C-alpha cells in the first residue's frame, strides 16, 4: 500500500480487501474503502458491523504482503460502518 499521508479529499480514498473473522468465528472477505489518517491509523468504510478489538488483514491488490490491523473504534454512518484501525507492519 502506498505511503502517502491523508489529506482532506477523495483522491486519497482507495479500495482494500479486508480479511477477518466475524461472529461465530466464521471467516469473511470484504471490500472496503479506506483512507490513511496517518501511517499507523486508517479509516475503513464497510457494509458490515465489526467490533473493537477485532484483528484484520488488509490487502490492496498491488502489494502481495497483507497489512495487519486492529479495530480501535467502530460507528454507524448511515447504512455503512466506519472503522478506525491501528495498523502494524
Protein backbone atom coordinates (compact mmCIF):
# COMPACT_ATOMS: atom_id res chain seq x y z
CA UNK A 1 0.00 0.00 0.00
CA UNK A 2 1.25 3.45 -0.71
CA UNK A 3 2.87 5.57 1.99
CA UNK A 4 1.03 8.78 1.10
CA UNK A 5 -0.31 10.75 4.04
CA UNK A 6 -4.00 11.51 4.07
CA UNK A 7 -5.34 14.87 3.00
CA UNK A 8 -8.89 16.14 3.02
CA UNK A 9 -10.00 14.99 -0.46
CA UNK A 10 -11.27 11.83 -2.11
CA UNK A 11 -8.08 11.28 -4.11
CA UNK A 12 -6.59 9.51 -1.06
CA UNK A 13 -9.56 7.16 -0.69
CA UNK A 14 -8.74 3.71 -2.06
CA UNK A 15 -10.25 0.25 -2.05
CA UNK A 16 -8.75 -2.54 0.04
CA UNK A 17 -9.69 -6.15 0.66
CA UNK A 18 -10.39 -6.96 4.29
CA UNK A 19 -9.95 -10.44 5.73
CA UNK A 20 -11.06 -11.35 9.24
CA UNK A 21 -13.40 -13.41 11.39
CA UNK A 22 -17.00 -12.41 12.09
CA UNK A 23 -19.46 -13.64 14.66
CA UNK A 24 -19.13 -17.30 15.48
CA UNK A 25 -15.53 -17.26 14.20
CA UNK A 26 -16.70 -17.53 10.60
CA UNK A 27 -14.11 -16.08 8.18
CA UNK A 28 -15.06 -13.20 5.90
CA UNK A 29 -13.62 -11.36 2.93
CA UNK A 30 -14.94 -7.86 2.26
CA UNK A 31 -14.10 -4.95 0.03
CA UNK A 32 -13.80 -1.62 1.85
CA UNK A 33 -12.97 1.98 1.10
CA UNK A 34 -10.06 3.25 3.15
CA UNK A 35 -8.26 6.47 3.88
CA UNK A 36 -4.96 6.75 5.69
CA UNK A 37 -5.25 9.21 8.55
CA UNK A 38 -1.56 8.75 9.35
CA UNK A 39 0.92 5.88 8.76
CA UNK A 40 -0.44 3.78 11.64
CA UNK A 41 -4.12 4.76 11.68
CA UNK A 42 -6.58 4.20 8.86
CA UNK A 43 -10.31 4.73 8.42
CA UNK A 44 -12.33 1.96 6.72
CA UNK A 45 -15.88 2.14 5.40
CA UNK A 46 -17.66 -1.24 5.28
CA UNK A 47 -21.18 -2.56 4.74
CA UNK A 48 -20.99 -4.81 7.83
CA UNK A 49 -20.61 -4.05 11.52
CA UNK A 50 -17.45 -5.29 13.22
CA UNK A 51 -16.32 -4.87 16.81
CA UNK A 52 -13.48 -3.04 18.52
CA UNK A 53 -10.53 -5.30 19.18
CA UNK A 54 -11.07 -7.49 16.11
CA UNK A 55 -7.93 -8.24 14.12
CA UNK A 56 -7.96 -7.81 10.34
CA UNK A 57 -5.68 -8.34 7.37
CA UNK A 58 -5.79 -5.63 4.69
CA UNK A 59 -4.60 -6.03 1.09
CA UNK A 60 -4.69 -3.52 -1.75
CA UNK A 61 -4.34 -5.95 -4.64
CA UNK A 62 -0.95 -4.50 -5.61
CA UNK A 63 1.34 -5.34 -2.68
CA UNK A 64 1.36 -9.11 -2.05
CA UNK A 65 2.03 -8.60 1.67
CA UNK A 66 -1.04 -8.07 3.86
CA UNK A 67 -1.07 -5.34 6.49
CA UNK A 68 -2.24 -6.33 9.98
CA UNK A 69 -4.75 -4.06 11.70
CA UNK A 70 -6.86 -3.97 14.85
CA UNK A 71 -10.19 -2.16 15.10
CA UNK A 72 -9.94 0.73 17.57
CA UNK A 73 -13.33 2.39 17.06
CA UNK A 74 -16.48 1.46 15.13
CA UNK A 75 -19.54 3.61 14.41
CA UNK A 76 -22.53 3.54 12.09
CA UNK A 77 -22.59 6.04 9.22
CA UNK A 78 -25.95 5.77 7.51
CA UNK A 79 -26.23 2.17 6.32
CA UNK A 80 -22.44 1.71 6.43
CA UNK A 81 -19.95 1.40 9.29
CA UNK A 82 -16.80 3.45 9.75
CA UNK A 83 -13.91 1.69 11.47
CA UNK A 84 -10.74 3.31 12.74
CA UNK A 85 -7.96 0.73 12.71
CA UNK A 86 -4.45 0.70 14.12
CA UNK A 87 -2.05 -0.71 11.52
CA UNK A 88 1.00 -2.79 12.39
CA UNK A 89 3.65 -3.80 9.86
